[in-house]
Amino acid sequence: MRPVIQGEQTGCGIASVAALVEIKYAEAKKVANGLGIRAQDERLWSETAHVRKLLAHFGCRALNSERPFRSWKALPNFALLAIKWHVEKNRPFWHWVVFVRDEKGGYVLDSKQALRRHKRTDFGRMKPKWYIEVKRPSKLRSIGNPRRRRSPKLSPRMFLSGVQSESSRIPANNMRG
């Protein structure tokens, strides 16, 4: 998996979901905004509901409860981790990162813009408070409309002759601006 860099200072939750579903930050942000989730909303990095909702939209399943972090070895193959956990005005806040274990081993995808390397293995420096196990579907859901019809292919002969067959015409209601 590849890291996704957060496009906003407070977009770590959106970027973490984007990394898990393997899309760009801008695409995940567009979907999040459509679901009423904004990077500036404190609940994105102080509660889990927004991240769970965004994961569910893409067909991922976040297990019901947060589990206390015990060790890196004990983590599942995919997990959202809460690091830099702290309390401000009686409210907990954290930075979302993604833990991945694959055939090469475990690593963390950290979306923070200021980092030189976003694929991290410096486990001793990160202090996770808890994690949420994430189950990814075997086939990730597209962000676009899967039922959208593609326009028919036009042959070079049609362009040379200036003639379009009935089947090659694109109805006006299918045109996207």
N, C-alpha and C. Protein backbone atom coordinates (compact mmCIF):
# COMPACT_ATOMS: atom_id res chain seq x y z
N MET A 1 0.84 -1.19 0.00
CA MET A 1 0.00 0.00 0.00
C MET A 1 0.88 1.24 0.00
N ARG A 2 0.29 2.30 -0.49
CA ARG A 2 1.04 3.56 -0.58
C ARG A 2 0.45 4.59 0.37
N PRO A 3 1.30 5.45 0.91
CA PRO A 3 0.78 6.52 1.78
C PRO A 3 0.01 7.56 0.97
N VAL A 4 -0.93 8.20 1.64
CA VAL A 4 -1.67 9.31 1.08
C VAL A 4 -1.40 10.50 1.99
N ILE A 5 -0.93 11.59 1.42
CA ILE A 5 -0.59 12.78 2.21
C ILE A 5 -1.85 13.62 2.40
N GLN A 6 -2.08 14.02 3.64
CA GLN A 6 -3.27 14.82 3.92
C GLN A 6 -3.16 16.18 3.25
N GLY A 7 -4.24 16.61 2.63
CA GLY A 7 -4.26 17.88 1.92
C GLY A 7 -4.52 19.06 2.83
N GLU A 8 -4.88 18.79 4.06
CA GLU A 8 -5.15 19.85 5.04
C GLU A 8 -4.51 19.45 6.35
N GLN A 9 -4.21 20.41 7.17
CA GLN A 9 -3.54 20.14 8.44
C GLN A 9 -4.33 19.16 9.30
N THR A 10 -5.64 19.20 9.20
CA THR A 10 -6.48 18.36 10.04
C THR A 10 -7.14 17.22 9.26
N GLY A 11 -6.55 16.83 8.14
CA GLY A 11 -7.16 15.81 7.29
C GLY A 11 -6.61 14.41 7.46
N CYS A 12 -6.04 14.08 8.60
CA CYS A 12 -5.43 12.76 8.78
C CYS A 12 -6.44 11.62 8.70
N GLY A 13 -7.66 11.83 9.18
CA GLY A 13 -8.68 10.78 9.12
C GLY A 13 -9.07 10.47 7.69
N ILE A 14 -9.28 11.52 6.91
CA ILE A 14 -9.63 11.35 5.49
C ILE A 14 -8.47 10.69 4.74
N ALA A 15 -7.25 11.13 4.99
CA ALA A 15 -6.08 10.57 4.31
C ALA A 15 -5.88 9.10 4.69
N SER A 16 -6.14 8.75 5.93
CA SER A 16 -5.98 7.36 6.36
C SER A 16 -6.97 6.45 5.64
N VAL A 17 -8.20 6.90 5.51
CA VAL A 17 -9.20 6.12 4.78
C VAL A 17 -8.79 6.03 3.30
N ALA A 18 -8.33 7.13 2.73
CA ALA A 18 -7.88 7.12 1.33
C ALA A 18 -6.78 6.09 1.12
N ALA A 19 -5.84 6.00 2.06
CA ALA A 19 -4.76 5.01 1.95
C ALA A 19 -5.33 3.59 2.00
N LEU A 20 -6.25 3.36 2.90
CA LEU A 20 -6.84 2.01 3.04
C LEU A 20 -7.62 1.58 1.80
N VAL A 21 -8.26 2.52 1.14
CA VAL A 21 -9.05 2.17 -0.05
C VAL A 21 -8.32 2.49 -1.36
N GLU A 22 -7.08 2.96 -1.22
CA GLU A 22 -6.17 3.16 -2.35
C GLU A 22 -6.69 4.16 -3.37
N ILE A 23 -7.06 5.35 -2.85
CA ILE A 23 -7.47 6.46 -3.72
C ILE A 23 -6.71 7.70 -3.30
N LYS A 24 -6.82 8.76 -4.08
CA LYS A 24 -6.15 10.02 -3.78
C LYS A 24 -6.91 10.78 -2.69
N TYR A 25 -6.19 11.67 -2.01
CA TYR A 25 -6.79 12.47 -0.95
C TYR A 25 -7.98 13.28 -1.47
N ALA A 26 -7.81 13.92 -2.61
CA ALA A 26 -8.89 14.77 -3.16
C ALA A 26 -10.16 13.97 -3.40
N GLU A 27 -10.01 12.74 -3.87
CA GLU A 27 -11.18 11.88 -4.11
C GLU A 27 -11.87 11.53 -2.80
N ALA A 28 -11.09 11.16 -1.80
CA ALA A 28 -11.66 10.81 -0.49
C ALA A 28 -12.31 12.02 0.16
N LYS A 29 -11.69 13.18 0.00
CA LYS A 29 -12.24 14.41 0.57
C LYS A 29 -13.59 14.75 -0.08
N LYS A 30 -13.67 14.57 -1.37
CA LYS A 30 -14.93 14.85 -2.08
C LYS A 30 -16.05 13.95 -1.55
N VAL A 31 -15.76 12.68 -1.39
CA VAL A 31 -16.75 11.74 -0.85
C VAL A 31 -17.09 12.11 0.59
N ALA A 32 -16.07 12.40 1.39
CA ALA A 32 -16.29 12.77 2.79
C ALA A 32 -17.20 14.00 2.88
N ASN A 33 -16.90 15.02 2.09
CA ASN A 33 -17.73 16.22 2.10
C ASN A 33 -19.18 15.90 1.72
N GLY A 34 -19.36 14.99 0.77
CA GLY A 34 -20.69 14.57 0.38
C GLY A 34 -21.43 13.85 1.49
N LEU A 35 -20.67 13.26 2.40
CA LEU A 35 -21.26 12.57 3.55
C LEU A 35 -21.39 13.49 4.77
N GLY A 36 -21.04 14.77 4.58
CA GLY A 36 -21.12 15.72 5.68
C GLY A 36 -19.91 15.70 6.60
N ILE A 37 -18.80 15.15 6.12
CA ILE A 37 -17.57 15.04 6.92
C ILE A 37 -16.58 16.07 6.40
N ARG A 38 -16.09 16.92 7.28
CA ARG A 38 -15.13 17.97 6.92
C ARG A 38 -13.86 17.80 7.74
N ALA A 39 -12.73 18.06 7.12
CA ALA A 39 -11.45 17.93 7.82
C ALA A 39 -11.37 18.87 9.02
N GLN A 40 -12.04 20.02 8.94
CA GLN A 40 -11.98 21.01 10.02
C GLN A 40 -12.84 20.63 11.22
N ASP A 41 -13.69 19.65 11.09
CA ASP A 41 -14.58 19.21 12.17
C ASP A 41 -13.76 18.44 13.21
N GLU A 42 -13.70 18.95 14.41
CA GLU A 42 -12.91 18.31 15.48
C GLU A 42 -13.28 16.86 15.71
N ARG A 43 -14.51 16.50 15.42
CA ARG A 43 -14.94 15.12 15.65
C ARG A 43 -14.17 14.13 14.78
N LEU A 44 -13.61 14.60 13.66
CA LEU A 44 -12.85 13.72 12.78
C LEU A 44 -11.60 13.18 13.48
N TRP A 45 -11.03 13.93 14.39
CA TRP A 45 -9.83 13.46 15.10
C TRP A 45 -10.04 13.42 16.62
N SER A 46 -11.31 13.39 17.03
CA SER A 46 -11.59 13.21 18.47
C SER A 46 -12.71 12.20 18.71
N GLU A 47 -13.29 11.68 17.66
CA GLU A 47 -14.30 10.63 17.72
C GLU A 47 -14.05 9.68 16.55
N THR A 48 -14.68 8.53 16.57
CA THR A 48 -14.43 7.55 15.50
C THR A 48 -15.56 7.45 14.47
N ALA A 49 -16.72 8.04 14.74
CA ALA A 49 -17.90 7.86 13.89
C ALA A 49 -17.67 8.32 12.45
N HIS A 50 -17.02 9.46 12.24
CA HIS A 50 -16.81 9.97 10.88
C HIS A 50 -15.92 9.04 10.06
N VAL A 51 -14.86 8.57 10.65
CA VAL A 51 -13.94 7.68 9.94
C VAL A 51 -14.64 6.35 9.63
N ARG A 52 -15.42 5.85 10.59
CA ARG A 52 -16.17 4.61 10.36
C ARG A 52 -17.17 4.78 9.21
N LYS A 53 -17.85 5.92 9.18
CA LYS A 53 -18.83 6.20 8.13
C LYS A 53 -18.16 6.24 6.75
N LEU A 54 -17.01 6.89 6.68
CA LEU A 54 -16.27 6.98 5.42
C LEU A 54 -15.76 5.61 4.98
N LEU A 55 -15.24 4.84 5.92
CA LEU A 55 -14.80 3.47 5.60
C LEU A 55 -15.96 2.64 5.05
N ALA A 56 -17.11 2.72 5.71
CA ALA A 56 -18.28 1.95 5.30
C ALA A 56 -18.71 2.33 3.89
N HIS A 57 -18.62 3.61 3.56
CA HIS A 57 -18.98 4.06 2.21
C HIS A 57 -18.17 3.31 1.16
N PHE A 58 -16.91 3.05 1.44
CA PHE A 58 -16.04 2.37 0.48
C PHE A 58 -16.06 0.85 0.62
N GLY A 59 -16.95 0.34 1.46
CA GLY A 59 -17.09 -1.10 1.59
C GLY A 59 -16.17 -1.74 2.61
N CYS A 60 -15.47 -0.94 3.38
CA CYS A 60 -14.61 -1.46 4.44
C CYS A 60 -15.42 -1.61 5.73
N ARG A 61 -15.00 -2.51 6.56
CA ARG A 61 -15.68 -2.71 7.84
C ARG A 61 -14.71 -2.43 8.98
N ALA A 62 -15.05 -1.45 9.78
CA ALA A 62 -14.25 -1.16 10.98
C ALA A 62 -14.90 -1.93 12.13
N LEU A 63 -14.12 -2.72 12.83
CA LEU A 63 -14.71 -3.49 13.93
C LEU A 63 -15.28 -2.54 14.97
N ASN A 64 -16.27 -3.02 15.68
CA ASN A 64 -17.12 -2.18 16.55
C ASN A 64 -16.41 -1.36 17.61
N SER A 65 -15.38 -1.90 18.19
CA SER A 65 -14.79 -1.17 19.32
C SER A 65 -13.31 -0.90 19.11
N GLU A 66 -12.86 0.14 19.80
CA GLU A 66 -11.43 0.45 19.82
C GLU A 66 -10.78 -0.53 20.80
N ARG A 67 -9.62 -1.01 20.43
CA ARG A 67 -8.92 -1.94 21.31
C ARG A 67 -7.63 -1.29 21.80
N PRO A 68 -7.32 -1.47 23.07
CA PRO A 68 -6.07 -0.89 23.58
C PRO A 68 -4.86 -1.46 22.85
N PHE A 69 -3.92 -0.60 22.55
CA PHE A 69 -2.68 -1.06 21.91
C PHE A 69 -1.85 -1.82 22.92
N ARG A 70 -1.43 -3.03 22.55
CA ARG A 70 -0.58 -3.85 23.42
C ARG A 70 0.83 -4.00 22.85
N SER A 71 0.90 -4.33 21.56
CA SER A 71 2.20 -4.49 20.91
C SER A 71 2.00 -4.43 19.40
N TRP A 72 3.08 -4.14 18.69
CA TRP A 72 3.02 -4.09 17.23
C TRP A 72 2.75 -5.47 16.67
N LYS A 73 3.28 -6.47 17.32
CA LYS A 73 3.11 -7.85 16.87
C LYS A 73 1.66 -8.31 16.96
N ALA A 74 0.93 -7.77 17.92
CA ALA A 74 -0.45 -8.19 18.16
C ALA A 74 -1.47 -7.51 17.25
N LEU A 75 -1.04 -6.53 16.46
CA LEU A 75 -1.98 -5.82 15.59
C LEU A 75 -2.45 -6.70 14.43
N PRO A 76 -3.68 -6.46 13.96
CA PRO A 76 -4.18 -7.18 12.78
C PRO A 76 -3.48 -6.66 11.52
N ASN A 77 -3.77 -7.25 10.38
CA ASN A 77 -3.12 -6.85 9.13
C ASN A 77 -3.42 -5.41 8.70
N PHE A 78 -4.64 -4.94 9.00
CA PHE A 78 -5.01 -3.56 8.69
C PHE A 78 -5.65 -2.95 9.92
N ALA A 79 -5.16 -1.79 10.32
CA ALA A 79 -5.73 -1.11 11.49
C ALA A 79 -5.51 0.38 11.40
N LEU A 80 -6.47 1.11 11.93
CA LEU A 80 -6.31 2.54 12.15
C LEU A 80 -5.78 2.70 13.56
N LEU A 81 -4.71 3.46 13.71
CA LEU A 81 -4.11 3.69 15.02
C LEU A 81 -4.31 5.13 15.45
N ALA A 82 -4.52 5.31 16.74
CA ALA A 82 -4.57 6.64 17.32
C ALA A 82 -3.22 6.91 17.97
N ILE A 83 -2.43 7.81 17.35
CA ILE A 83 -1.14 8.19 17.94
C ILE A 83 -1.23 9.66 18.34
N LYS A 84 -0.24 10.12 19.06
CA LYS A 84 -0.21 11.51 19.56
C LYS A 84 -1.50 11.83 20.34
N TRP A 85 -1.98 10.83 21.06
CA TRP A 85 -3.22 10.96 21.82
C TRP A 85 -2.99 11.92 22.99
N HIS A 86 -3.92 12.87 23.16
CA HIS A 86 -3.82 13.83 24.25
C HIS A 86 -5.21 14.38 24.58
N VAL A 87 -5.32 15.08 25.68
CA VAL A 87 -6.60 15.66 26.09
C VAL A 87 -6.48 17.17 26.12
N GLU A 88 -7.47 17.84 25.51
CA GLU A 88 -7.57 19.31 25.56
C GLU A 88 -8.99 19.66 25.98
N LYS A 89 -9.12 20.45 27.03
CA LYS A 89 -10.44 20.87 27.52
C LYS A 89 -11.37 19.68 27.71
N ASN A 90 -10.86 18.65 28.39
CA ASN A 90 -11.61 17.44 28.71
C ASN A 90 -12.05 16.63 27.47
N ARG A 91 -11.40 16.83 26.35
CA ARG A 91 -11.75 16.09 25.14
C ARG A 91 -10.49 15.44 24.56
N PRO A 92 -10.55 14.13 24.25
CA PRO A 92 -9.37 13.48 23.68
C PRO A 92 -9.20 13.83 22.20
N PHE A 93 -7.96 13.95 21.78
CA PHE A 93 -7.62 14.18 20.38
C PHE A 93 -6.47 13.26 20.01
N TRP A 94 -6.33 12.96 18.73
CA TRP A 94 -5.24 12.10 18.27
C TRP A 94 -4.98 12.35 16.79
N HIS A 95 -3.93 11.69 16.31
CA HIS A 95 -3.56 11.71 14.89
C HIS A 95 -3.80 10.30 14.36
N TRP A 96 -4.57 10.19 13.27
CA TRP A 96 -4.85 8.89 12.65
C TRP A 96 -3.68 8.45 11.77
N VAL A 97 -3.28 7.20 11.89
CA VAL A 97 -2.33 6.57 10.97
C VAL A 97 -2.85 5.17 10.64
N VAL A 98 -2.30 4.57 9.60
CA VAL A 98 -2.72 3.24 9.17
C VAL A 98 -1.59 2.25 9.41
N PHE A 99 -1.91 1.15 10.08
CA PHE A 99 -0.94 0.06 10.21
C PHE A 99 -1.27 -0.99 9.16
N VAL A 100 -0.22 -1.47 8.47
CA VAL A 100 -0.37 -2.49 7.43
C VAL A 100 0.64 -3.59 7.70
N ARG A 101 0.17 -4.84 7.61
CA ARG A 101 1.08 -5.98 7.65
C ARG A 101 0.87 -6.75 6.35
N ASP A 102 1.93 -6.87 5.56
CA ASP A 102 1.86 -7.63 4.32
C ASP A 102 3.00 -8.63 4.28
N GLU A 103 3.26 -9.20 3.11
CA GLU A 103 4.29 -10.23 2.99
C GLU A 103 5.69 -9.71 3.32
N LYS A 104 5.91 -8.40 3.28
CA LYS A 104 7.21 -7.81 3.60
C LYS A 104 7.34 -7.43 5.07
N GLY A 105 6.24 -7.48 5.82
CA GLY A 105 6.28 -7.12 7.23
C GLY A 105 5.31 -5.99 7.55
N GLY A 106 5.44 -5.43 8.75
CA GLY A 106 4.54 -4.37 9.19
C GLY A 106 5.15 -2.99 8.99
N TYR A 107 4.26 -2.02 8.74
CA TYR A 107 4.68 -0.62 8.62
C TYR A 107 3.48 0.27 8.87
N VAL A 108 3.77 1.55 9.07
CA VAL A 108 2.72 2.54 9.31
C VAL A 108 2.73 3.55 8.18
N LEU A 109 1.53 3.87 7.67
CA LEU A 109 1.37 4.93 6.68
C LEU A 109 0.91 6.17 7.43
N ASP A 110 1.76 7.18 7.44
CA ASP A 110 1.48 8.41 8.18
C ASP A 110 1.30 9.54 7.18
N SER A 111 0.15 10.20 7.23
CA SER A 111 -0.22 11.20 6.23
C SER A 111 0.31 12.60 6.51
N LYS A 112 0.98 12.79 7.63
CA LYS A 112 1.43 14.13 8.00
C LYS A 112 2.34 14.73 6.93
N GLN A 113 1.99 15.94 6.48
CA GLN A 113 2.71 16.59 5.38
C GLN A 113 4.19 16.80 5.66
N ALA A 114 4.54 17.15 6.88
CA ALA A 114 5.91 17.55 7.21
C ALA A 114 6.91 16.40 7.24
N LEU A 115 6.46 15.18 7.20
CA LEU A 115 7.38 14.04 7.28
C LEU A 115 8.16 13.87 5.98
N ARG A 116 9.40 13.43 6.12
CA ARG A 116 10.20 13.14 4.93
C ARG A 116 9.81 11.79 4.34
N ARG A 117 9.50 10.84 5.22
CA ARG A 117 9.07 9.50 4.80
C ARG A 117 7.73 9.20 5.44
N HIS A 118 6.77 8.83 4.62
CA HIS A 118 5.41 8.59 5.11
C HIS A 118 5.13 7.12 5.35
N LYS A 119 6.03 6.26 4.92
CA LYS A 119 5.95 4.83 5.22
C LYS A 119 6.95 4.58 6.35
N ARG A 120 6.41 4.39 7.55
CA ARG A 120 7.25 4.39 8.75
C ARG A 120 7.43 2.99 9.35
N THR A 121 8.64 2.77 9.84
CA THR A 121 8.93 1.55 10.60
C THR A 121 9.64 1.89 11.90
N ASP A 122 9.64 3.16 12.26
CA ASP A 122 10.26 3.61 13.51
C ASP A 122 9.26 3.41 14.66
N PHE A 123 8.93 2.15 14.93
CA PHE A 123 7.87 1.81 15.87
C PHE A 123 8.12 2.35 17.28
N GLY A 124 9.35 2.46 17.69
CA GLY A 124 9.67 2.95 19.02
C GLY A 124 9.30 4.42 19.22
N ARG A 125 9.22 5.18 18.15
CA ARG A 125 8.89 6.61 18.25
C ARG A 125 7.39 6.87 18.31
N MET A 126 6.62 5.94 17.77
CA MET A 126 5.16 6.11 17.76
C MET A 126 4.58 5.47 19.02
N LYS A 127 3.64 6.14 19.61
CA LYS A 127 3.04 5.66 20.86
C LYS A 127 1.52 5.52 20.68
N PRO A 128 1.07 4.45 20.03
CA PRO A 128 -0.38 4.28 19.85
C PRO A 128 -1.10 4.09 21.18
N LYS A 129 -2.26 4.69 21.29
CA LYS A 129 -3.11 4.54 22.48
C LYS A 129 -4.05 3.36 22.28
N TRP A 130 -4.66 3.29 21.09
CA TRP A 130 -5.57 2.22 20.75
C TRP A 130 -5.65 2.07 19.24
N TYR A 131 -6.39 1.06 18.79
CA TYR A 131 -6.53 0.83 17.35
C TYR A 131 -7.93 0.31 17.03
N ILE A 132 -8.27 0.42 15.75
CA ILE A 132 -9.50 -0.15 15.23
C ILE A 132 -9.11 -1.09 14.09
N GLU A 133 -9.49 -2.35 14.21
CA GLU A 133 -9.22 -3.29 13.13
C GLU A 133 -10.12 -2.95 11.94
N VAL A 134 -9.54 -3.01 10.73
CA VAL A 134 -10.28 -2.71 9.51
C VAL A 134 -10.24 -3.93 8.60
N LYS A 135 -11.41 -4.31 8.13
CA LYS A 135 -11.53 -5.40 7.15
C LYS A 135 -11.82 -4.76 5.80
N ARG A 136 -10.91 -4.98 4.87
CA ARG A 136 -11.10 -4.44 3.52
C ARG A 136 -11.81 -5.48 2.67
N PRO A 137 -12.69 -5.03 1.76
CA PRO A 137 -13.34 -6.00 0.88
C PRO A 137 -12.35 -6.56 -0.13
N SER A 138 -12.66 -7.71 -0.69
CA SER A 138 -11.74 -8.29 -1.68
C SER A 138 -11.64 -7.40 -2.91
N LYS A 139 -12.74 -6.70 -3.22
CA LYS A 139 -12.72 -5.76 -4.34
C LYS A 139 -13.16 -4.41 -3.80
N LEU A 140 -12.29 -3.42 -3.88
CA LEU A 140 -12.61 -2.10 -3.35
C LEU A 140 -13.65 -1.41 -4.22
N ARG A 141 -14.56 -0.69 -3.57
CA ARG A 141 -15.64 0.01 -4.24
C ARG A 141 -15.11 1.28 -4.89
N SER A 142 -15.55 1.51 -6.10
CA SER A 142 -15.15 2.71 -6.84
C SER A 142 -15.86 3.92 -6.26
N ILE A 143 -15.24 5.10 -6.36
CA ILE A 143 -15.91 6.30 -5.87
C ILE A 143 -16.89 6.83 -6.89
N GLY A 144 -16.71 6.46 -8.15
CA GLY A 144 -17.61 6.95 -9.19
C GLY A 144 -18.90 6.14 -9.23
N ASN A 145 -19.74 6.46 -10.16
CA ASN A 145 -20.99 5.75 -10.33
C ASN A 145 -20.72 4.51 -11.18
N PRO A 146 -20.81 3.31 -10.59
CA PRO A 146 -20.47 2.10 -11.34
C PRO A 146 -21.47 1.82 -12.47
N ARG A 147 -22.65 2.44 -12.44
CA ARG A 147 -23.67 2.19 -13.46
C ARG A 147 -23.57 3.17 -14.63
N ARG A 148 -22.65 4.11 -14.52
CA ARG A 148 -22.52 5.11 -15.59
C ARG A 148 -22.11 4.41 -16.88
N ARG A 149 -22.85 4.67 -17.92
CA ARG A 149 -22.56 4.06 -19.22
C ARG A 149 -21.40 4.78 -19.88
N ARG A 150 -20.56 4.00 -20.50
CA ARG A 150 -19.46 4.60 -21.25
C ARG A 150 -19.93 4.92 -22.64
N SER A 151 -19.37 5.96 -23.21
CA SER A 151 -19.76 6.30 -24.57
C SER A 151 -19.20 5.25 -25.51
N PRO A 152 -19.92 4.97 -26.59
CA PRO A 152 -19.44 3.96 -27.53
C PRO A 152 -18.17 4.44 -28.22
N LYS A 153 -17.37 3.47 -28.64
CA LYS A 153 -16.14 3.81 -29.35
C LYS A 153 -16.48 4.23 -30.77
N LEU A 154 -15.82 5.26 -31.21
CA LEU A 154 -16.00 5.73 -32.58
C LEU A 154 -14.81 5.26 -33.40
N SER A 155 -15.09 4.73 -34.56
CA SER A 155 -14.00 4.23 -35.40
C SER A 155 -13.41 5.39 -36.20
N PRO A 156 -12.15 5.28 -36.59
CA PRO A 156 -11.52 6.33 -37.41
C PRO A 156 -12.28 6.54 -38.71
N ARG A 157 -12.89 5.48 -39.26
CA ARG A 157 -13.64 5.59 -40.51
C ARG A 157 -14.80 6.57 -40.35
N MET A 158 -15.45 6.57 -39.19
CA MET A 158 -16.57 7.48 -38.95
C MET A 158 -16.11 8.94 -39.01
N PHE A 159 -14.91 9.20 -38.48
CA PHE A 159 -14.41 10.56 -38.49
C PHE A 159 -14.01 10.99 -39.90
N LEU A 160 -13.43 10.06 -40.66
CA LEU A 160 -13.00 10.39 -42.02
C LEU A 160 -14.19 10.65 -42.92
N SER A 161 -15.24 9.86 -42.76
CA SER A 161 -16.39 10.02 -43.63
C SER A 161 -17.36 11.07 -43.13
N GLY A 162 -17.21 11.47 -41.87
CA GLY A 162 -18.11 12.46 -41.29
C GLY A 162 -19.48 11.89 -41.01
N VAL A 163 -19.59 10.56 -41.04
CA VAL A 163 -20.87 9.89 -40.82
C VAL A 163 -20.80 9.11 -39.51
N GLN A 164 -21.86 9.21 -38.75
CA GLN A 164 -21.96 8.41 -37.53
C GLN A 164 -23.11 7.44 -37.70
N SER A 165 -22.88 6.22 -37.32
CA SER A 165 -23.98 5.25 -37.35
C SER A 165 -24.89 5.54 -36.16
N GLU A 166 -26.09 4.98 -36.20
CA GLU A 166 -27.07 5.18 -35.13
C GLU A 166 -26.49 4.73 -33.78
N SER A 167 -25.76 3.62 -33.78
CA SER A 167 -25.23 3.08 -32.52
C SER A 167 -24.07 3.90 -31.98
N SER A 168 -23.43 4.74 -32.81
CA SER A 168 -22.29 5.50 -32.33
C SER A 168 -22.66 6.88 -31.82
N ARG A 169 -23.91 7.27 -31.97
CA ARG A 169 -24.34 8.58 -31.47
C ARG A 169 -24.47 8.53 -29.95
N ILE A 170 -24.04 9.60 -29.32
CA ILE A 170 -24.15 9.71 -27.87
C ILE A 170 -25.34 10.60 -27.57
N PRO A 171 -26.37 10.07 -26.92
CA PRO A 171 -27.53 10.90 -26.60
C PRO A 171 -27.12 12.09 -25.75
N ALA A 172 -27.80 13.23 -25.96
CA ALA A 172 -27.48 14.45 -25.24
C ALA A 172 -27.60 14.29 -23.74
N ASN A 173 -28.54 13.46 -23.27
CA ASN A 173 -28.70 13.30 -21.83
C ASN A 173 -27.58 12.51 -21.17
N ASN A 174 -26.70 11.90 -21.97
CA ASN A 174 -25.55 11.20 -21.42
C ASN A 174 -24.29 12.05 -21.42
N MET A 175 -24.38 13.23 -21.98
CA MET A 175 -23.21 14.11 -22.06
C MET A 175 -22.90 14.65 -20.68
N ARG A 176 -21.67 14.67 -20.31
CA ARG A 176 -21.21 15.21 -19.03
C ARG A 176 -20.39 16.45 -19.31
N GLY A 177 -20.67 17.55 -18.59
CA GLY A 177 -19.96 18.79 -18.86
C GLY A 177 -18.85 19.06 -18.02
